[in-house]
Amino acid sequence: QPYGGFLSKVYPAARAAPPYSELHDDHLG
């Protein structure tokens, strides 16, 4: 889509999601 900046605001979970390594190493859940 040509409005990537707008979509990044619509889907804030994409920016706030922690990486897999952080979840696995620290045993978060």
PDB file of all heavy atoms in Angstrom:
ATOM      1  N   GLN A   1       0.838  -1.197   0.000  1.00  0.00           N
ATOM      2  CA  GLN A   1       0.000   0.000   0.000  1.00  0.00           C
ATOM      3  C   GLN A   1       0.869   1.242   0.000  1.00  0.00           C
ATOM      4  O   GLN A   1       1.965   1.268   0.558  1.00  0.00           O
ATOM      5  CB  GLN A   1      -0.904   0.006   1.245  1.00  0.00           C
ATOM      6  CG  GLN A   1      -1.841  -1.180   1.328  1.00  0.00           C
ATOM      7  CD  GLN A   1      -2.866  -1.187   0.206  1.00  0.00           C
ATOM      8  OE1 GLN A   1      -3.222  -0.129  -0.318  1.00  0.00           O
ATOM      9  NE2 GLN A   1      -3.318  -2.379  -0.179  1.00  0.00           N
ATOM     10  N   PRO A   2       0.381   2.304  -0.630  1.00  0.00           N
ATOM     11  CA  PRO A   2       1.175   3.548  -0.668  1.00  0.00           C
ATOM     12  C   PRO A   2       1.160   4.304   0.650  1.00  0.00           C
ATOM     13  O   PRO A   2       1.881   5.278   0.791  1.00  0.00           O
ATOM     14  CB  PRO A   2       0.485   4.358  -1.773  1.00  0.00           C
ATOM     15  CG  PRO A   2      -0.919   3.868  -1.779  1.00  0.00           C
ATOM     16  CD  PRO A   2      -0.849   2.416  -1.428  1.00  0.00           C
ATOM     17  N   TYR A   3       0.326   3.908   1.611  1.00  0.00           N
ATOM     18  CA  TYR A   3       0.209   4.640   2.868  1.00  0.00           C
ATOM     19  C   TYR A   3       0.771   3.788   4.017  1.00  0.00           C
ATOM     20  O   TYR A   3       0.055   3.429   4.940  1.00  0.00           O
ATOM     21  CB  TYR A   3      -1.250   5.007   3.150  1.00  0.00           C
ATOM     22  CG  TYR A   3      -1.881   5.813   2.045  1.00  0.00           C
ATOM     23  CD1 TYR A   3      -2.776   5.196   1.159  1.00  0.00           C
ATOM     24  CD2 TYR A   3      -1.572   7.140   1.865  1.00  0.00           C
ATOM     25  CE1 TYR A   3      -3.352   5.903   0.128  1.00  0.00           C
ATOM     26  CE2 TYR A   3      -2.143   7.870   0.826  1.00  0.00           C
ATOM     27  CZ  TYR A   3      -3.019   7.249  -0.029  1.00  0.00           C
ATOM     28  OH  TYR A   3      -3.593   7.948  -1.043  1.00  0.00           O
ATOM     29  N   GLY A   4       2.036   3.449   3.874  1.00  0.00           N
ATOM     30  CA  GLY A   4       2.653   2.596   4.882  1.00  0.00           C
ATOM     31  C   GLY A   4       2.711   3.255   6.246  1.00  0.00           C
ATOM     32  O   GLY A   4       2.538   2.614   7.270  1.00  0.00           O
ATOM     33  N   GLY A   5       2.955   4.589   6.244  1.00  0.00           N
ATOM     34  CA  GLY A   5       3.024   5.265   7.537  1.00  0.00           C
ATOM     35  C   GLY A   5       1.701   5.238   8.264  1.00  0.00           C
ATOM     36  O   GLY A   5       1.643   5.051   9.482  1.00  0.00           O
ATOM     37  N   PHE A   6       0.593   5.383   7.501  1.00  0.00           N
ATOM     38  CA  PHE A   6      -0.732   5.330   8.120  1.00  0.00           C
ATOM     39  C   PHE A   6      -1.020   3.948   8.678  1.00  0.00           C
ATOM     40  O   PHE A   6      -1.543   3.801   9.783  1.00  0.00           O
ATOM     41  CB  PHE A   6      -1.780   5.719   7.088  1.00  0.00           C
ATOM     42  CG  PHE A   6      -3.191   5.535   7.569  1.00  0.00           C
ATOM     43  CD1 PHE A   6      -3.740   6.417   8.482  1.00  0.00           C
ATOM     44  CD2 PHE A   6      -3.958   4.456   7.127  1.00  0.00           C
ATOM     45  CE1 PHE A   6      -5.038   6.247   8.933  1.00  0.00           C
ATOM     46  CE2 PHE A   6      -5.242   4.284   7.573  1.00  0.00           C
ATOM     47  CZ  PHE A   6      -5.790   5.195   8.463  1.00  0.00           C
ATOM     48  N   LEU A   7      -0.644   2.880   7.945  1.00  0.00           N
ATOM     49  CA  LEU A   7      -0.897   1.520   8.399  1.00  0.00           C
ATOM     50  C   LEU A   7      -0.077   1.187   9.639  1.00  0.00           C
ATOM     51  O   LEU A   7      -0.528   0.427  10.492  1.00  0.00           O
ATOM     52  CB  LEU A   7      -0.578   0.524   7.280  1.00  0.00           C
ATOM     53  CG  LEU A   7      -1.580   0.486   6.124  1.00  0.00           C
ATOM     54  CD1 LEU A   7      -1.085  -0.472   5.052  1.00  0.00           C
ATOM     55  CD2 LEU A   7      -2.956   0.072   6.618  1.00  0.00           C
ATOM     56  N   SER A   8       1.115   1.757   9.727  1.00  0.00           N
ATOM     57  CA  SER A   8       1.907   1.485  10.925  1.00  0.00           C
ATOM     58  C   SER A   8       1.267   2.087  12.161  1.00  0.00           C
ATOM     59  O   SER A   8       1.463   1.601  13.270  1.00  0.00           O
ATOM     60  CB  SER A   8       3.325   2.041  10.771  1.00  0.00           C
ATOM     61  OG  SER A   8       3.287   3.466  10.643  1.00  0.00           O
ATOM     62  N   LYS A   9       0.472   3.157  11.975  1.00  0.00           N
ATOM     63  CA  LYS A   9      -0.256   3.715  13.101  1.00  0.00           C
ATOM     64  C   LYS A   9      -1.518   2.924  13.402  1.00  0.00           C
ATOM     65  O   LYS A   9      -1.962   2.851  14.547  1.00  0.00           O
ATOM     66  CB  LYS A   9      -0.616   5.175  12.821  1.00  0.00           C
ATOM     67  CG  LYS A   9       0.608   6.069  12.689  1.00  0.00           C
ATOM     68  CD  LYS A   9       0.199   7.506  12.404  1.00  0.00           C
ATOM     69  CE  LYS A   9       1.440   8.389  12.247  1.00  0.00           C
ATOM     70  NZ  LYS A   9       1.079   9.786  11.938  1.00  0.00           N
ATOM     71  N   VAL A  10      -2.132   2.353  12.355  1.00  0.00           N
ATOM     72  CA  VAL A  10      -3.334   1.560  12.544  1.00  0.00           C
ATOM     73  C   VAL A  10      -3.009   0.266  13.273  1.00  0.00           C
ATOM     74  O   VAL A  10      -3.785  -0.216  14.105  1.00  0.00           O
ATOM     75  CB  VAL A  10      -3.996   1.252  11.187  1.00  0.00           C
ATOM     76  CG1 VAL A  10      -5.165   0.283  11.370  1.00  0.00           C
ATOM     77  CG2 VAL A  10      -4.465   2.543  10.534  1.00  0.00           C
ATOM     78  N   TYR A  11      -1.824  -0.314  13.006  1.00  0.00           N
ATOM     79  CA  TYR A  11      -1.405  -1.567  13.622  1.00  0.00           C
ATOM     80  C   TYR A  11      -0.208  -1.312  14.554  1.00  0.00           C
ATOM     81  O   TYR A  11       0.937  -1.609  14.212  1.00  0.00           O
ATOM     82  CB  TYR A  11      -1.000  -2.600  12.552  1.00  0.00           C
ATOM     83  CG  TYR A  11      -2.121  -2.936  11.604  1.00  0.00           C
ATOM     84  CD1 TYR A  11      -2.218  -2.320  10.364  1.00  0.00           C
ATOM     85  CD2 TYR A  11      -3.084  -3.869  11.971  1.00  0.00           C
ATOM     86  CE1 TYR A  11      -3.255  -2.637   9.505  1.00  0.00           C
ATOM     87  CE2 TYR A  11      -4.123  -4.189  11.107  1.00  0.00           C
ATOM     88  CZ  TYR A  11      -4.202  -3.561   9.873  1.00  0.00           C
ATOM     89  OH  TYR A  11      -5.222  -3.866   9.026  1.00  0.00           O
ATOM     90  N   PRO A  12      -0.451  -0.722  15.700  1.00  0.00           N
ATOM     91  CA  PRO A  12       0.667  -0.432  16.601  1.00  0.00           C
ATOM     92  C   PRO A  12       1.298  -1.685  17.164  1.00  0.00           C
ATOM     93  O   PRO A  12       2.419  -1.654  17.639  1.00  0.00           O
ATOM     94  CB  PRO A  12       0.010   0.378  17.733  1.00  0.00           C
ATOM     95  CG  PRO A  12      -1.423  -0.054  17.720  1.00  0.00           C
ATOM     96  CD  PRO A  12      -1.749  -0.334  16.284  1.00  0.00           C
ATOM     97  N   ALA A  13       0.581  -2.834  17.152  1.00  0.00           N
ATOM     98  CA  ALA A  13       1.151  -4.063  17.700  1.00  0.00           C
ATOM     99  C   ALA A  13       2.382  -4.496  16.921  1.00  0.00           C
ATOM    100  O   ALA A  13       3.266  -5.171  17.451  1.00  0.00           O
ATOM    101  CB  ALA A  13       0.109  -5.180  17.694  1.00  0.00           C
ATOM    102  N   ALA A  14       2.442  -4.115  15.638  1.00  0.00           N
ATOM    103  CA  ALA A  14       3.576  -4.500  14.821  1.00  0.00           C
ATOM    104  C   ALA A  14       4.853  -3.825  15.309  1.00  0.00           C
ATOM    105  O   ALA A  14       5.946  -4.371  15.224  1.00  0.00           O
ATOM    106  CB  ALA A  14       3.324  -4.139  13.357  1.00  0.00           C
ATOM    107  N   ARG A  15       4.719  -2.592  15.836  1.00  0.00           N
ATOM    108  CA  ARG A  15       5.891  -1.890  16.327  1.00  0.00           C
ATOM    109  C   ARG A  15       6.210  -2.277  17.764  1.00  0.00           C
ATOM    110  O   ARG A  15       7.352  -2.296  18.169  1.00  0.00           O
ATOM    111  CB  ARG A  15       5.652  -0.387  16.241  1.00  0.00           C
ATOM    112  CG  ARG A  15       5.430   0.119  14.826  1.00  0.00           C
ATOM    113  CD  ARG A  15       5.163   1.612  14.833  1.00  0.00           C
ATOM    114  NE  ARG A  15       3.961   1.898  15.608  1.00  0.00           N
ATOM    115  CZ  ARG A  15       3.644   3.117  16.048  1.00  0.00           C
ATOM    116  NH1 ARG A  15       4.442   4.129  15.808  1.00  0.00           N
ATOM    117  NH2 ARG A  15       2.533   3.306  16.732  1.00  0.00           N
ATOM    118  N   ALA A  16       5.184  -2.585  18.571  1.00  0.00           N
ATOM    119  CA  ALA A  16       5.396  -2.852  19.987  1.00  0.00           C
ATOM    120  C   ALA A  16       5.727  -4.304  20.287  1.00  0.00           C
ATOM    121  O   ALA A  16       6.086  -4.626  21.398  1.00  0.00           O
ATOM    122  CB  ALA A  16       4.141  -2.465  20.788  1.00  0.00           C
ATOM    123  N   ALA A  17       5.569  -5.202  19.315  1.00  0.00           N
ATOM    124  CA  ALA A  17       5.792  -6.628  19.581  1.00  0.00           C
ATOM    125  C   ALA A  17       7.260  -6.886  19.882  1.00  0.00           C
ATOM    126  O   ALA A  17       8.143  -6.487  19.121  1.00  0.00           O
ATOM    127  CB  ALA A  17       5.365  -7.451  18.368  1.00  0.00           C
ATOM    128  N   PRO A  18       7.560  -7.535  20.977  1.00  0.00           N
ATOM    129  CA  PRO A  18       8.953  -7.842  21.301  1.00  0.00           C
ATOM    130  C   PRO A  18       9.483  -8.946  20.413  1.00  0.00           C
ATOM    131  O   PRO A  18       8.732  -9.802  19.948  1.00  0.00           O
ATOM    132  CB  PRO A  18       8.875  -8.308  22.760  1.00  0.00           C
ATOM    133  CG  PRO A  18       7.489  -8.815  22.915  1.00  0.00           C
ATOM    134  CD  PRO A  18       6.628  -7.995  22.015  1.00  0.00           C
ATOM    135  N   PRO A  19      10.756  -8.959  20.136  1.00  0.00           N
ATOM    136  CA  PRO A  19      11.329 -10.019  19.293  1.00  0.00           C
ATOM    137  C   PRO A  19      11.261 -11.366  19.979  1.00  0.00           C
ATOM    138  O   PRO A  19      11.182 -11.460  21.202  1.00  0.00           O
ATOM    139  CB  PRO A  19      12.778  -9.556  19.096  1.00  0.00           C
ATOM    140  CG  PRO A  19      13.070  -8.666  20.262  1.00  0.00           C
ATOM    141  CD  PRO A  19      11.765  -7.981  20.573  1.00  0.00           C
ATOM    142  N   TYR A  20      11.368 -12.411  19.166  1.00  0.00           N
ATOM    143  CA  TYR A  20      11.263 -13.770  19.691  1.00  0.00           C
ATOM    144  C   TYR A  20      12.401 -14.076  20.671  1.00  0.00           C
ATOM    145  O   TYR A  20      12.194 -14.718  21.696  1.00  0.00           O
ATOM    146  CB  TYR A  20      11.283 -14.772  18.535  1.00  0.00           C
ATOM    147  CG  TYR A  20      11.466 -16.190  18.973  1.00  0.00           C
ATOM    148  CD1 TYR A  20      10.400 -16.911  19.539  1.00  0.00           C
ATOM    149  CD2 TYR A  20      12.711 -16.821  18.873  1.00  0.00           C
ATOM    150  CE1 TYR A  20      10.575 -18.207  19.959  1.00  0.00           C
ATOM    151  CE2 TYR A  20      12.884 -18.115  19.306  1.00  0.00           C
ATOM    152  CZ  TYR A  20      11.806 -18.803  19.830  1.00  0.00           C
ATOM    153  OH  TYR A  20      11.985 -20.093  20.259  1.00  0.00           O
ATOM    154  N   SER A  21      13.606 -13.612  20.346  1.00  0.00           N
ATOM    155  CA  SER A  21      14.752 -13.922  21.204  1.00  0.00           C
ATOM    156  C   SER A  21      14.564 -13.351  22.602  1.00  0.00           C
ATOM    157  O   SER A  21      14.936 -13.973  23.596  1.00  0.00           O
ATOM    158  CB  SER A  21      16.028 -13.366  20.585  1.00  0.00           C
ATOM    159  OG  SER A  21      15.932 -11.950  20.424  1.00  0.00           O
ATOM    160  N   GLU A  22      13.968 -12.152  22.685  1.00  0.00           N
ATOM    161  CA  GLU A  22      13.750 -11.549  23.998  1.00  0.00           C
ATOM    162  C   GLU A  22      12.753 -12.361  24.816  1.00  0.00           C
ATOM    163  O   GLU A  22      12.942 -12.591  26.008  1.00  0.00           O
ATOM    164  CB  GLU A  22      13.240 -10.122  23.826  1.00  0.00           C
ATOM    165  CG  GLU A  22      12.966  -9.413  25.139  1.00  0.00           C
ATOM    166  CD  GLU A  22      12.429  -8.009  24.930  1.00  0.00           C
ATOM    167  OE1 GLU A  22      12.510  -7.519  23.795  1.00  0.00           O
ATOM    168  OE2 GLU A  22      11.916  -7.432  25.910  1.00  0.00           O
ATOM    169  N   LEU A  23      11.677 -12.819  24.163  1.00  0.00           N
ATOM    170  CA  LEU A  23      10.688 -13.616  24.873  1.00  0.00           C
ATOM    171  C   LEU A  23      11.274 -14.958  25.311  1.00  0.00           C
ATOM    172  O   LEU A  23      11.035 -15.424  26.420  1.00  0.00           O
ATOM    173  CB  LEU A  23       9.476 -13.869  23.965  1.00  0.00           C
ATOM    174  CG  LEU A  23       8.478 -12.720  23.854  1.00  0.00           C
ATOM    175  CD1 LEU A  23       7.466 -13.038  22.772  1.00  0.00           C
ATOM    176  CD2 LEU A  23       7.790 -12.459  25.166  1.00  0.00           C
ATOM    177  N   HIS A  24      12.064 -15.564  24.442  1.00  0.00           N
ATOM    178  CA  HIS A  24      12.581 -16.890  24.756  1.00  0.00           C
ATOM    179  C   HIS A  24      13.660 -16.833  25.830  1.00  0.00           C
ATOM    180  O   HIS A  24      13.683 -17.647  26.753  1.00  0.00           O
ATOM    181  CB  HIS A  24      13.128 -17.530  23.480  1.00  0.00           C
ATOM    182  CG  HIS A  24      13.730 -18.874  23.708  1.00  0.00           C
ATOM    183  ND1 HIS A  24      12.975 -19.971  24.047  1.00  0.00           N
ATOM    184  CD2 HIS A  24      15.022 -19.290  23.673  1.00  0.00           C
ATOM    185  CE1 HIS A  24      13.760 -21.015  24.193  1.00  0.00           C
ATOM    186  NE2 HIS A  24      15.011 -20.632  23.979  1.00  0.00           N
ATOM    187  N   ASP A  25      14.565 -15.875  25.718  1.00  0.00           N
ATOM    188  CA  ASP A  25      15.692 -15.819  26.638  1.00  0.00           C
ATOM    189  C   ASP A  25      15.246 -15.446  28.047  1.00  0.00           C
ATOM    190  O   ASP A  25      15.756 -15.971  29.044  1.00  0.00           O
ATOM    191  CB  ASP A  25      16.734 -14.823  26.135  1.00  0.00           C
ATOM    192  CG  ASP A  25      17.360 -15.288  24.827  1.00  0.00           C
ATOM    193  OD1 ASP A  25      17.288 -16.500  24.536  1.00  0.00           O
ATOM    194  OD2 ASP A  25      17.901 -14.434  24.097  1.00  0.00           O
ATOM    195  N   ASP A  26      14.316 -14.533  28.186  1.00  0.00           N
ATOM    196  CA  ASP A  26      13.881 -14.066  29.504  1.00  0.00           C
ATOM    197  C   ASP A  26      12.716 -14.866  30.068  1.00  0.00           C
ATOM    198  O   ASP A  26      12.265 -14.576  31.165  1.00  0.00           O
ATOM    199  CB  ASP A  26      13.488 -12.585  29.419  1.00  0.00           C
ATOM    200  CG  ASP A  26      14.682 -11.710  29.095  1.00  0.00           C
ATOM    201  OD1 ASP A  26      15.833 -12.145  29.308  1.00  0.00           O
ATOM    202  OD2 ASP A  26      14.457 -10.581  28.625  1.00  0.00           O
ATOM    203  N   HIS A  27      12.207 -15.827  29.309  1.00  0.00           N
ATOM    204  CA  HIS A  27      11.086 -16.657  29.763  1.00  0.00           C
ATOM    205  C   HIS A  27       9.875 -15.807  30.100  1.00  0.00           C
ATOM    206  O   HIS A  27       9.212 -16.032  31.111  1.00  0.00           O
ATOM    207  CB  HIS A  27      11.477 -17.511  30.968  1.00  0.00           C
ATOM    208  CG  HIS A  27      12.656 -18.396  30.729  1.00  0.00           C
ATOM    209  ND1 HIS A  27      12.699 -19.313  29.702  1.00  0.00           N
ATOM    210  CD2 HIS A  27      13.844 -18.492  31.384  1.00  0.00           C
ATOM    211  CE1 HIS A  27      13.865 -19.947  29.738  1.00  0.00           C
ATOM    212  NE2 HIS A  27      14.573 -19.472  30.726  1.00  0.00           N
ATOM    213  N   LEU A  28       9.578 -14.847  29.274  1.00  0.00           N
ATOM    214  CA  LEU A  28       8.395 -14.032  29.501  1.00  0.00           C
ATOM    215  C   LEU A  28       7.148 -14.767  29.054  1.00  0.00           C
ATOM    216  O   LEU A  28       7.187 -15.596  28.145  1.00  0.00           O
ATOM    217  CB  LEU A  28       8.517 -12.697  28.754  1.00  0.00           C
ATOM    218  CG  LEU A  28       9.659 -11.775  29.178  1.00  0.00           C
ATOM    219  CD1 LEU A  28       9.677 -10.531  28.311  1.00  0.00           C
ATOM    220  CD2 LEU A  28       9.523 -11.390  30.637  1.00  0.00           C
ATOM    221  N   GLY A  29       6.028 -14.446  29.697  1.00  0.00           N
ATOM    222  CA  GLY A  29       4.765 -15.072  29.334  1.00  0.00           C
ATOM    223  C   GLY A  29       3.643 -14.586  30.217  1.00  0.00           C
ATOM    224  O   GLY A  29       3.849 -13.770  31.117  1.00  0.00           O
TER     225      GLY A  29
END
